[in-house]
Amino acid sequence: MQAIFGQLLVGLINGSFYALLSLGLAIIFGLLGVVNFAHGALYMVGAFAAWMLLTMFGIGYFPALLLAPAIVGVIGVVLERLLLRRLYGLDPLYGLLLTFGLTLIAEGLFHQAYGNSGQSYPVPELLRGGFQLGFMYLPLYRAWVVGVSLVVCAASWFVIEKTKLGAYLRAGTENPKLLQAFGVNVPVMFTITYGFGVALAAFAGVMAAPVYGVTPLMGSSVIMVVFAVVVIGGMGSIAGSIFTGIGVGLVEGLTRYLYPEASAVVVFVLMAIVLLVRPAGLFGRER
């Protein structure tokens, strides 16, 4: 039982990162219609931003949780204003190809500067140690990751689904011209949406840095799983991305205990089954 709970804990931690990353992807696709393949690269940039803030300026983990997403959010705003804005209304394949190219550029630059070995990022002093639960030992930082991820995901869902701002965003997706006729600056709203979506990726990168380390390819290792999570939950579904992300992490953890060889592909098997039964995803709306 201790081994099972240990693997479920690992799965819950992975699922927390899946939920944060797929949430950002779902926001960008659901509101802007852009398949943002650069999401994994911006997750990596967020982790490197936290590492640079620490090593170059002595800025620790907790300020980096705010500063690194802000930095990456600004980068996202620039990308949206200069590049992605030109693709709205076109086939999503164009956005996928553009963001895939941006991913290769970002990974190449960081690989050239830092190599593949990666950098370590220490667990903050306040979050070291853990709890002895009797059946297992729970590291404090892992508990922090799960708790904060759930809070951020729930807050993002509430803003998009239950507030006036979220209603504007959804209306801008359905009929941007009509919304603009009511005095709402839709282009600026879209820019802020993309910046917020990639800031979530950077936030996940900062929290992942003490767990997985900081490497140029850390985004590539997770982005395909995150895309599968978004497809399973339903493209553009905010609630679907959150619940499916955590659920897939738990299934991965349990599979790693029961049948380790299948843990790397179980998410894609789930995706295939869901697409056969419900092509719109578990939480997606049938068109």
Protein backbone atom coordinates (compact mmCIF):
# COMPACT_ATOMS: atom_id res chain seq x y z
CA MET A 1 0.00 0.00 0.00
CA GLN A 2 2.89 2.36 0.73
CA ALA A 3 4.20 1.85 -2.82
CA ILE A 4 0.73 2.45 -4.31
CA PHE A 5 0.22 5.66 -2.34
CA GLY A 6 3.73 6.80 -3.28
CA GLN A 7 3.00 6.36 -6.98
CA LEU A 8 -0.39 8.05 -6.62
CA LEU A 9 1.37 11.00 -4.98
CA VAL A 10 3.78 11.23 -7.91
CA GLY A 11 0.81 11.01 -10.25
CA LEU A 12 -1.02 13.75 -8.35
CA ILE A 13 2.01 16.04 -8.60
CA ASN A 14 2.35 15.37 -12.34
CA GLY A 15 -1.40 15.85 -12.69
CA SER A 16 -1.16 19.25 -11.02
CA PHE A 17 1.31 20.40 -13.69
CA TYR A 18 -0.82 18.83 -16.43
CA ALA A 19 -3.85 20.72 -15.11
CA LEU A 20 -2.05 24.08 -15.06
CA LEU A 21 -0.55 23.63 -18.51
CA SER A 22 -3.70 22.26 -20.12
CA LEU A 23 -5.70 25.07 -18.51
CA GLY A 24 -3.53 27.64 -20.28
CA LEU A 25 -3.84 25.72 -23.55
CA ALA A 26 -7.61 25.44 -23.19
CA ILE A 27 -7.95 29.18 -22.50
CA ILE A 28 -5.90 30.10 -25.57
CA PHE A 29 -7.62 27.64 -27.89
CA GLY A 30 -11.11 28.10 -26.49
CA LEU A 31 -11.03 31.91 -26.62
CA LEU A 32 -8.61 32.61 -29.48
CA GLY A 33 -8.78 29.46 -31.60
CA VAL A 34 -4.96 29.11 -31.59
CA VAL A 35 -3.31 25.71 -31.11
CA ASN A 36 -0.39 27.00 -29.04
CA PHE A 37 2.38 24.43 -29.51
CA ALA A 38 4.81 26.96 -27.96
CA HIS A 39 3.15 26.36 -24.57
CA GLY A 40 5.79 23.81 -23.55
CA ALA A 41 8.62 26.13 -24.58
CA LEU A 42 7.14 28.99 -22.54
CA TYR A 43 6.81 26.60 -19.58
CA MET A 44 10.55 26.01 -19.97
CA VAL A 45 11.24 29.75 -20.29
CA GLY A 46 9.34 30.33 -17.04
CA ALA A 47 11.55 27.82 -15.23
CA PHE A 48 14.70 29.39 -16.69
CA ALA A 49 13.45 32.87 -15.75
CA ALA A 50 13.11 31.75 -12.12
CA TRP A 51 16.60 30.19 -12.22
CA MET A 52 18.12 33.36 -13.72
CA LEU A 53 16.37 35.57 -11.17
CA LEU A 54 17.92 33.44 -8.42
CA THR A 55 21.46 33.05 -9.80
CA MET A 56 21.91 36.52 -11.32
CA PHE A 57 19.90 38.74 -8.98
CA GLY A 58 19.44 36.70 -5.82
CA ILE A 59 15.64 36.80 -6.18
CA GLY A 60 14.16 33.74 -4.49
CA TYR A 61 11.35 31.36 -5.21
CA PHE A 62 8.31 33.25 -3.90
CA PRO A 63 9.00 36.53 -5.75
CA ALA A 64 9.83 34.45 -8.84
CA LEU A 65 6.33 32.93 -8.71
CA LEU A 66 5.08 36.40 -9.62
CA LEU A 67 7.97 37.82 -11.64
CA ALA A 68 8.64 34.88 -13.99
CA PRO A 69 4.99 34.58 -15.15
CA ALA A 70 4.91 38.36 -15.62
CA ILE A 71 8.06 38.22 -17.77
CA VAL A 72 6.72 35.35 -19.88
CA GLY A 73 3.33 37.05 -20.07
CA VAL A 74 4.99 40.11 -21.61
CA ILE A 75 6.79 37.85 -24.09
CA GLY A 76 3.42 36.31 -24.93
CA VAL A 77 1.89 39.76 -25.47
CA VAL A 78 4.68 40.64 -27.91
CA LEU A 79 4.25 37.35 -29.80
CA GLU A 80 0.50 37.83 -30.03
CA ARG A 81 0.77 41.43 -31.24
CA LEU A 82 3.47 40.76 -33.83
CA LEU A 83 2.68 37.24 -35.08
CA LEU A 84 -0.39 35.41 -33.85
CA ARG A 85 -2.83 38.26 -34.48
CA ARG A 86 -2.32 37.78 -38.20
CA LEU A 87 -3.66 34.21 -37.99
CA TYR A 88 -7.04 34.78 -36.32
CA GLY A 89 -9.85 33.40 -38.41
CA LEU A 90 -7.56 31.12 -40.41
CA ASP A 91 -7.23 27.35 -40.16
CA PRO A 92 -5.77 26.42 -36.71
CA LEU A 93 -3.01 24.55 -38.58
CA TYR A 94 -1.31 27.88 -39.33
CA GLY A 95 -1.11 28.72 -35.64
CA LEU A 96 0.19 25.24 -34.88
CA LEU A 97 2.98 25.57 -37.47
CA LEU A 98 3.94 29.06 -36.29
CA THR A 99 4.09 28.13 -32.61
CA PHE A 100 5.95 24.91 -33.44
CA GLY A 101 8.60 27.04 -35.17
CA LEU A 102 8.77 29.34 -32.13
CA THR A 103 9.28 26.27 -29.95
CA LEU A 104 12.25 25.11 -32.03
CA ILE A 105 13.80 28.57 -31.87
CA ALA A 106 13.40 28.87 -28.10
CA GLU A 107 14.72 25.38 -27.38
CA GLY A 108 17.65 25.90 -29.75
CA LEU A 109 18.65 29.17 -28.09
CA PHE A 110 18.56 27.74 -24.57
CA HIS A 111 20.27 24.53 -25.67
CA GLN A 112 23.07 26.58 -27.23
CA ALA A 113 23.48 28.63 -24.06
CA TYR A 114 23.08 25.94 -21.37
CA GLY A 115 23.39 22.53 -23.04
CA ASN A 116 21.25 19.52 -22.19
CA SER A 117 22.51 18.80 -18.69
CA GLY A 118 20.16 21.28 -17.06
CA GLN A 119 20.35 23.40 -13.93
CA SER A 120 19.25 22.61 -10.39
CA TYR A 121 16.84 24.86 -8.51
CA PRO A 122 16.68 24.48 -4.72
CA VAL A 123 13.48 23.92 -2.79
CA PRO A 124 12.77 27.12 -0.80
CA GLU A 125 13.70 26.98 2.87
CA LEU A 126 10.11 27.40 4.08
CA LEU A 127 8.92 24.39 2.06
CA ARG A 128 11.58 21.86 3.02
CA GLY A 129 10.81 18.81 5.12
CA GLY A 130 7.53 16.95 5.14
CA PHE A 131 4.85 15.08 7.04
CA GLN A 132 4.83 11.50 8.22
CA LEU A 133 1.32 10.25 7.45
CA GLY A 134 1.88 6.75 8.80
CA PHE A 135 1.40 4.96 5.50
CA MET A 136 3.79 7.28 3.63
CA TYR A 137 6.02 10.34 3.90
CA LEU A 138 4.62 13.48 2.24
CA PRO A 139 7.23 16.10 1.26
CA LEU A 140 6.01 19.59 2.11
CA TYR A 141 6.94 21.03 -1.28
CA ARG A 142 4.89 18.37 -3.10
CA ALA A 143 1.87 19.22 -0.96
CA TRP A 144 2.43 22.91 -1.76
CA VAL A 145 2.51 22.20 -5.51
CA VAL A 146 -0.78 20.30 -5.41
CA GLY A 147 -2.54 22.87 -3.21
CA VAL A 148 -1.41 25.94 -5.15
CA SER A 149 -2.20 24.32 -8.51
CA LEU A 150 -5.75 23.56 -7.39
CA VAL A 151 -6.25 27.13 -6.09
CA VAL A 152 -4.91 28.72 -9.30
CA CYS A 153 -7.01 26.42 -11.50
CA ALA A 154 -10.17 27.07 -9.49
CA ALA A 155 -9.58 30.85 -9.53
CA SER A 156 -9.01 30.84 -13.31
CA TRP A 157 -12.19 28.81 -13.87
CA PHE A 158 -14.18 31.21 -11.68
CA VAL A 159 -12.92 34.30 -13.52
CA ILE A 160 -13.69 32.87 -16.96
CA GLU A 161 -17.01 31.20 -16.18
CA LYS A 162 -18.55 33.36 -13.47
CA THR A 163 -17.42 36.98 -13.93
CA LYS A 164 -18.27 39.82 -16.30
CA LEU A 165 -14.75 39.71 -17.74
CA GLY A 166 -15.16 36.03 -18.53
CA ALA A 167 -18.49 36.75 -20.21
CA TYR A 168 -16.79 39.36 -22.41
CA LEU A 169 -14.10 36.84 -23.34
CA ARG A 170 -16.63 34.20 -24.31
CA ALA A 171 -18.70 36.73 -26.22
CA GLY A 172 -15.58 37.87 -28.07
CA THR A 173 -15.05 34.29 -29.20
CA GLU A 174 -18.59 33.95 -30.54
CA ASN A 175 -19.05 37.38 -32.16
CA PRO A 176 -16.10 39.81 -31.81
CA LYS A 177 -17.59 42.45 -34.13
CA LEU A 178 -20.80 42.68 -32.13
CA LEU A 179 -18.88 42.91 -28.85
CA GLN A 180 -16.68 45.67 -30.27
CA ALA A 181 -19.82 47.57 -31.28
CA PHE A 182 -20.66 47.76 -27.56
CA GLY A 183 -17.38 49.57 -26.88
CA VAL A 184 -15.17 46.64 -25.83
CA ASN A 185 -11.63 46.68 -27.23
CA VAL A 186 -11.59 43.10 -28.47
CA PRO A 187 -7.99 43.05 -29.86
CA VAL A 188 -6.59 44.19 -26.50
CA MET A 189 -8.76 41.63 -24.72
CA PHE A 190 -7.38 38.88 -26.97
CA THR A 191 -3.82 40.05 -26.30
CA ILE A 192 -4.36 39.94 -22.54
CA THR A 193 -5.93 36.48 -22.85
CA TYR A 194 -2.90 35.07 -24.65
CA GLY A 195 -0.55 36.71 -22.16
CA PHE A 196 -2.49 35.21 -19.26
CA GLY A 197 -2.53 31.76 -20.85
CA VAL A 198 1.24 31.65 -21.32
CA ALA A 199 1.77 33.17 -17.85
CA LEU A 200 0.03 30.08 -16.45
CA ALA A 201 2.58 27.95 -18.31
CA ALA A 202 5.42 29.98 -16.80
CA PHE A 203 3.86 29.67 -13.34
CA ALA A 204 3.86 25.89 -13.76
CA GLY A 205 7.50 26.09 -14.90
CA VAL A 206 8.56 27.91 -11.73
CA MET A 207 6.83 25.35 -9.51
CA ALA A 208 8.30 22.49 -11.55
CA ALA A 209 11.89 23.77 -11.30
CA PRO A 210 12.62 22.38 -7.78
CA VAL A 211 10.96 19.04 -8.67
CA TYR A 212 12.35 18.27 -12.14
CA GLY A 213 15.24 20.71 -12.53
CA VAL A 214 15.57 23.27 -15.33
CA THR A 215 16.47 21.99 -18.81
CA PRO A 216 15.93 23.32 -22.36
CA LEU A 217 13.87 20.25 -23.31
CA MET A 218 11.64 20.10 -20.22
CA GLY A 219 8.74 21.52 -22.24
CA SER A 220 9.09 18.99 -25.05
CA SER A 221 8.90 16.12 -22.58
CA VAL A 222 5.47 17.21 -21.32
CA ILE A 223 3.70 19.08 -24.12
CA MET A 224 2.43 16.02 -26.02
CA VAL A 225 0.87 14.63 -22.83
CA VAL A 226 -0.71 18.03 -22.14
CA PHE A 227 -2.19 18.16 -25.64
CA ALA A 228 -3.63 14.69 -25.06
CA VAL A 229 -5.12 15.91 -21.77
CA VAL A 230 -6.79 18.84 -23.55
CA VAL A 231 -8.23 16.52 -26.20
CA ILE A 232 -9.55 14.10 -23.57
CA GLY A 233 -11.14 16.90 -21.55
CA GLY A 234 -12.54 18.67 -24.62
CA MET A 235 -10.76 21.30 -26.72
CA GLY A 236 -11.39 24.66 -25.10
CA SER A 237 -13.11 23.26 -21.99
CA ILE A 238 -11.74 24.95 -18.86
CA ALA A 239 -13.25 22.49 -16.37
CA GLY A 240 -12.31 19.58 -18.63
CA SER A 241 -8.64 20.56 -18.70
CA ILE A 242 -8.47 20.79 -14.90
CA PHE A 243 -10.26 17.54 -14.02
CA THR A 244 -8.66 15.58 -16.84
CA GLY A 245 -5.17 16.83 -16.03
CA ILE A 246 -5.39 15.63 -12.44
CA GLY A 247 -7.14 12.42 -13.45
CA VAL A 248 -4.54 11.54 -16.09
CA GLY A 249 -1.76 12.13 -13.57
CA LEU A 250 -3.38 9.70 -11.12
CA VAL A 251 -3.94 7.09 -13.84
CA GLU A 252 -0.29 7.42 -14.87
CA GLY A 253 0.82 6.94 -11.27
CA LEU A 254 -1.34 3.85 -10.77
CA THR A 255 -0.20 2.41 -14.11
CA ARG A 256 3.43 2.98 -13.13
CA TYR A 257 2.83 0.70 -10.14
CA LEU A 258 0.71 -1.96 -11.84
CA TYR A 259 2.36 -2.10 -15.28
CA PRO A 260 5.34 0.31 -15.54
CA GLU A 261 5.96 -0.38 -19.23
CA ALA A 262 2.57 1.12 -20.14
CA SER A 263 2.85 4.31 -18.05
CA ALA A 264 4.33 6.33 -20.93
CA VAL A 265 1.51 5.51 -23.34
CA VAL A 266 -1.56 5.12 -21.11
CA VAL A 267 -2.62 8.75 -21.68
CA PHE A 268 -2.63 8.25 -25.45
CA VAL A 269 -4.62 5.02 -25.10
CA LEU A 270 -7.15 6.96 -23.01
CA MET A 271 -7.26 9.67 -25.67
CA ALA A 272 -7.97 7.13 -28.42
CA ILE A 273 -10.77 5.52 -26.40
CA VAL A 274 -12.38 8.88 -25.57
CA LEU A 275 -12.22 10.04 -29.20
CA LEU A 276 -13.92 6.82 -30.31
CA VAL A 277 -16.72 7.14 -27.75
CA ARG A 278 -17.05 10.94 -27.52
CA PRO A 279 -15.13 12.85 -30.22
CA ALA A 280 -15.74 16.23 -28.55
CA GLY A 281 -14.00 15.07 -25.35
CA LEU A 282 -15.40 14.31 -21.90
CA PHE A 283 -16.41 17.91 -21.18
CA GLY A 284 -16.55 19.27 -24.73
CA ARG A 285 -19.74 20.31 -26.47
CA GLU A 286 -20.90 18.34 -29.49
CA ARG A 287 -21.27 20.56 -32.55
